[in-house]
Amino acid sequence: MTAVDNIEKDENVIWHQHAVDKTFRAEQKQQRPALLWFTGLSGSGKSTVAGALEHELARLGYHTYLLDGDNVRHGLCRDLGFSDHDRRENIRRVGEVAKLMTDAGLIVLSAFISPFREERQLVRDLLPEGEFLEVYVDTPLEVCEARDPKGLYKKARAGEIKAFTGISSAYEAPENPEIHLKTDEGSVGDQVNRCLAQLRRAGVIR
C-alpha cells in the first residue's frame, strides 16, 4: 500500500457527470475505447510494436494515443525513481491517465515494463470489464540483453543500476494475457497483425 492509498477523499470533492459522456465520445469516433497494456522486459520490443500498431490503427482511421514508459518520466512521473514503491506509483499515475483517455473515447496503447502482476491488475481494475487488454511481449532475456538498445543491461551487469528487471529484480510474466507476442518469432508486421486480429475479435475495431 502506498501513501496515496492512505489519503482519504475529501467529502466535498464530488465527481461531476457532464452531458458529453464516454458513450457519446466513442460513438463520435466510431470505435470502442480500450487500453492495450504492453508489458515485457527492457528491450523486448514493447515500444516498437506499440508504435507500429498505433501507426496502423491511425492509417485505418482510428483515434489513438501511445503512452511510453520513458516519455512519461520526462513530465508526469519525472519525480519518481525505480524503487518498488516508485514503480507502483508510476503505474498508478499512468493508469489514471489512461482511464481518462479511454473516457475520451480513445484506443490507448501503453508500453511499460510493469514487472509485477499486482500493479498491472491495479490498472485493469480501473477500467470496465473487457476494456483492458494485456499484451505480453514475450522475448527471452538473452535476446533482450543482446539487443540492449540503451546499454542498460551492460550497466546492470556491472552493478551500476540496482534493482534492474530481469537481472537483479524479478519480472512476473502475465499468466493469461489477452495477447501473447513472441517478438523473436516473426516480424514487427506479424506482431501488429496479431494485435489487430485480437482487437477485431474483441470488437474494439471493425
Protein backbone atom coordinates (compact mmCIF):
# COMPACT_ATOMS: atom_id res chain seq x y z
CA MET A 1 0.00 0.00 0.00
CA THR A 2 1.35 3.43 -0.93
CA ALA A 3 0.93 6.80 0.75
CA VAL A 4 -1.58 7.64 -1.95
CA ASP A 5 -3.74 4.67 -0.94
CA ASN A 6 -3.96 6.09 2.59
CA ILE A 7 -5.20 9.51 1.52
CA GLU A 8 -8.87 9.95 2.40
CA LYS A 9 -11.08 11.59 -0.17
CA ASP A 10 -12.42 14.99 0.81
CA GLU A 11 -16.19 14.66 1.21
CA ASN A 12 -16.53 17.96 -0.63
CA VAL A 13 -14.82 16.57 -3.74
CA ILE A 14 -17.60 15.08 -5.86
CA TRP A 15 -17.39 13.57 -9.36
CA HIS A 16 -19.32 15.77 -11.79
CA GLN A 17 -21.03 13.92 -14.63
CA HIS A 18 -21.09 16.08 -17.76
CA ALA A 19 -23.58 15.87 -20.61
CA VAL A 20 -20.96 14.76 -23.12
CA ASP A 21 -20.01 11.32 -21.83
CA LYS A 22 -17.83 8.37 -22.78
CA THR A 23 -20.53 6.73 -24.88
CA PHE A 24 -21.05 9.90 -26.91
CA ARG A 25 -17.32 10.36 -27.49
CA ALA A 26 -16.86 6.73 -28.56
CA GLU A 27 -19.83 6.89 -30.97
CA GLN A 28 -18.50 10.15 -32.36
CA LYS A 29 -15.20 8.39 -33.16
CA GLN A 30 -16.97 5.20 -34.32
CA GLN A 31 -14.80 2.97 -32.18
CA ARG A 32 -14.81 1.20 -28.83
CA PRO A 33 -12.41 2.60 -26.22
CA ALA A 34 -9.74 0.23 -24.97
CA LEU A 35 -6.38 0.16 -23.24
CA LEU A 36 -3.70 -2.13 -24.67
CA TRP A 37 -1.10 -2.62 -21.95
CA PHE A 38 2.22 -3.78 -23.42
CA THR A 39 4.39 -5.41 -20.75
CA GLY A 40 7.76 -7.13 -21.06
CA LEU A 41 11.45 -6.85 -20.30
CA SER A 42 13.54 -3.87 -21.32
CA GLY A 43 14.49 -4.38 -24.95
CA SER A 44 11.66 -6.83 -25.59
CA GLY A 45 10.14 -4.64 -28.29
CA LYS A 46 7.18 -3.13 -26.41
CA SER A 47 7.55 0.40 -27.75
CA THR A 48 8.45 -0.82 -31.24
CA VAL A 49 5.35 -2.98 -31.60
CA ALA A 50 3.07 -0.47 -29.85
CA GLY A 51 4.32 2.31 -32.12
CA ALA A 52 3.85 0.23 -35.26
CA LEU A 53 0.36 -0.80 -34.13
CA GLU A 54 -0.62 2.79 -33.40
CA HIS A 55 0.60 3.81 -36.86
CA GLU A 56 -1.54 1.13 -38.49
CA LEU A 57 -4.60 2.00 -36.40
CA ALA A 58 -4.20 5.66 -37.34
CA ARG A 59 -3.88 4.68 -41.00
CA LEU A 60 -7.16 2.78 -40.66
CA GLY A 61 -8.82 5.90 -39.27
CA TYR A 62 -8.93 5.11 -35.54
CA HIS A 63 -8.27 7.64 -32.78
CA THR A 64 -5.36 6.59 -30.57
CA TYR A 65 -2.74 7.71 -28.08
CA LEU A 66 0.51 5.98 -27.12
CA LEU A 67 1.84 6.30 -23.57
CA ASP A 68 5.51 5.31 -23.49
CA GLY A 69 7.41 4.43 -20.32
CA ASP A 70 10.38 6.71 -20.99
CA ASN A 71 8.26 9.59 -22.24
CA VAL A 72 6.06 9.89 -19.14
CA ARG A 73 9.16 10.07 -16.96
CA HIS A 74 10.06 13.34 -18.69
CA GLY A 75 6.99 15.02 -17.19
CA LEU A 76 4.16 13.26 -15.38
CA CYS A 77 6.46 10.92 -13.46
CA ARG A 78 9.79 12.74 -13.52
CA ASP A 79 9.82 12.94 -9.71
CA LEU A 80 9.83 9.13 -9.38
CA GLY A 81 12.75 6.73 -9.14
CA PHE A 82 12.82 2.97 -9.68
CA SER A 83 12.15 1.57 -6.22
CA ASP A 84 9.21 -0.84 -5.93
CA HIS A 85 7.20 1.98 -4.33
CA ASP A 86 8.01 4.45 -7.12
CA ARG A 87 7.37 1.87 -9.84
CA ARG A 88 3.92 1.23 -8.40
CA GLU A 89 3.17 4.95 -8.23
CA ASN A 90 4.40 5.36 -11.80
CA ILE A 91 1.96 2.71 -12.99
CA ARG A 92 -0.87 4.11 -10.85
CA ARG A 93 -0.48 7.55 -12.42
CA VAL A 94 -0.29 6.15 -15.93
CA GLY A 95 -3.36 4.02 -15.26
CA GLU A 96 -5.35 7.05 -14.17
CA VAL A 97 -4.26 8.99 -17.26
CA ALA A 98 -5.16 6.03 -19.48
CA LYS A 99 -8.58 5.84 -17.82
CA LEU A 100 -9.22 9.50 -18.68
CA MET A 101 -8.12 8.85 -22.25
CA THR A 102 -10.47 5.90 -22.67
CA ASP A 103 -13.21 8.12 -21.21
CA ALA A 104 -12.39 10.45 -24.11
CA GLY A 105 -13.20 7.55 -26.44
CA LEU A 106 -9.63 6.75 -27.45
CA ILE A 107 -7.83 3.49 -28.09
CA VAL A 108 -4.85 3.84 -25.75
CA LEU A 109 -1.60 1.93 -26.10
CA SER A 110 0.85 1.86 -23.19
CA ALA A 111 4.38 0.44 -23.20
CA PHE A 112 5.77 -0.16 -19.70
CA ILE A 113 7.92 -2.90 -18.22
CA SER A 114 5.42 -3.03 -15.32
CA PRO A 115 7.09 -6.13 -13.88
CA PHE A 116 4.60 -7.02 -11.16
CA ARG A 117 1.22 -8.67 -11.70
CA GLU A 118 -0.28 -6.70 -8.82
CA GLU A 119 0.44 -3.32 -10.44
CA ARG A 120 -0.95 -4.48 -13.80
CA GLN A 121 -4.08 -5.71 -12.02
CA LEU A 122 -4.32 -2.30 -10.37
CA VAL A 123 -4.75 -0.72 -13.81
CA ARG A 124 -7.10 -3.44 -15.05
CA ASP A 125 -9.36 -2.78 -12.06
CA LEU A 126 -9.68 0.90 -13.05
CA LEU A 127 -11.49 0.02 -16.27
CA PRO A 128 -14.75 -1.71 -17.18
CA GLU A 129 -14.65 -5.43 -17.93
CA GLY A 130 -13.13 -6.12 -21.34
CA GLU A 131 -11.60 -2.68 -21.81
CA PHE A 132 -8.11 -3.61 -20.57
CA LEU A 133 -6.13 -5.87 -22.90
CA GLU A 134 -2.83 -7.12 -21.52
CA VAL A 135 -0.23 -7.60 -24.26
CA TYR A 136 2.67 -9.78 -23.14
CA VAL A 137 5.73 -9.03 -25.26
CA ASP A 138 7.46 -12.31 -24.55
CA THR A 139 11.10 -12.04 -25.55
CA PRO A 140 13.84 -14.21 -23.96
CA LEU A 141 16.20 -12.38 -21.62
CA GLU A 142 19.21 -13.34 -23.74
CA VAL A 143 17.60 -11.72 -26.79
CA CYS A 144 16.76 -8.55 -24.87
CA GLU A 145 20.28 -8.42 -23.46
CA ALA A 146 21.83 -8.92 -26.90
CA ARG A 147 19.76 -6.03 -28.24
CA ASP A 148 20.42 -3.79 -25.21
CA PRO A 149 19.33 -0.66 -27.17
CA LYS A 150 20.04 1.71 -24.27
CA GLY A 151 23.03 -0.10 -22.80
CA LEU A 152 21.12 -0.77 -19.59
CA TYR A 153 21.86 -4.48 -19.30
CA LYS A 154 25.58 -3.79 -19.55
CA LYS A 155 25.29 -1.26 -16.72
CA ALA A 156 23.13 -3.63 -14.66
CA ARG A 157 25.64 -6.47 -15.08
CA ALA A 158 28.37 -4.08 -13.94
CA GLY A 159 26.36 -3.19 -10.83
CA GLU A 160 25.80 0.40 -11.96
CA ILE A 161 22.00 0.01 -11.96
CA LYS A 162 20.36 -1.55 -8.94
CA ALA A 163 17.03 -3.43 -8.99
CA PHE A 164 17.11 -3.86 -12.78
CA THR A 165 14.25 -6.02 -14.05
CA GLY A 166 15.42 -9.39 -15.33
CA ILE A 167 18.86 -9.12 -13.72
CA SER A 168 18.58 -8.05 -10.08
CA SER A 169 14.80 -7.61 -9.84
CA ALA A 170 12.03 -10.04 -10.72
CA TYR A 171 9.70 -9.92 -13.71
CA GLU A 172 6.34 -11.61 -13.17
CA ALA A 173 5.11 -12.75 -16.56
CA PRO A 174 1.38 -12.46 -17.30
CA GLU A 175 -0.49 -15.69 -16.68
CA ASN A 176 -3.45 -15.14 -19.04
CA PRO A 177 -2.72 -12.16 -21.32
CA GLU A 178 -5.31 -11.21 -23.90
CA ILE A 179 -2.50 -11.02 -26.48
CA HIS A 180 0.74 -13.04 -26.30
CA LEU A 181 3.51 -11.92 -28.67
CA LYS A 182 6.87 -13.61 -29.20
CA THR A 183 8.94 -10.93 -30.89
CA ASP A 184 11.84 -13.27 -31.64
CA GLU A 185 9.44 -15.19 -33.90
CA GLY A 186 8.24 -13.18 -36.90
CA SER A 187 8.49 -9.57 -37.98
CA VAL A 188 7.07 -6.45 -36.34
CA GLY A 189 4.39 -6.56 -39.02
CA ASP A 190 3.43 -10.07 -37.92
CA GLN A 191 3.06 -8.87 -34.32
CA VAL A 192 0.91 -5.94 -35.43
CA ASN A 193 -1.35 -8.26 -37.41
CA ARG A 194 -1.83 -10.49 -34.36
CA CYS A 195 -2.85 -7.46 -32.31
CA LEU A 196 -5.26 -6.26 -34.99
CA ALA A 197 -6.85 -9.71 -35.20
CA GLN A 198 -7.46 -9.77 -31.43
CA LEU A 199 -8.83 -6.21 -31.48
CA ARG A 200 -11.32 -7.28 -34.13
CA ARG A 201 -12.31 -10.38 -32.13
CA ALA A 202 -12.81 -8.19 -29.07
CA GLY A 203 -14.96 -5.74 -31.06
CA VAL A 204 -12.64 -2.79 -30.47
CA ILE A 205 -12.18 -2.20 -34.20
CA ARG A 206 -14.17 -3.33 -37.22
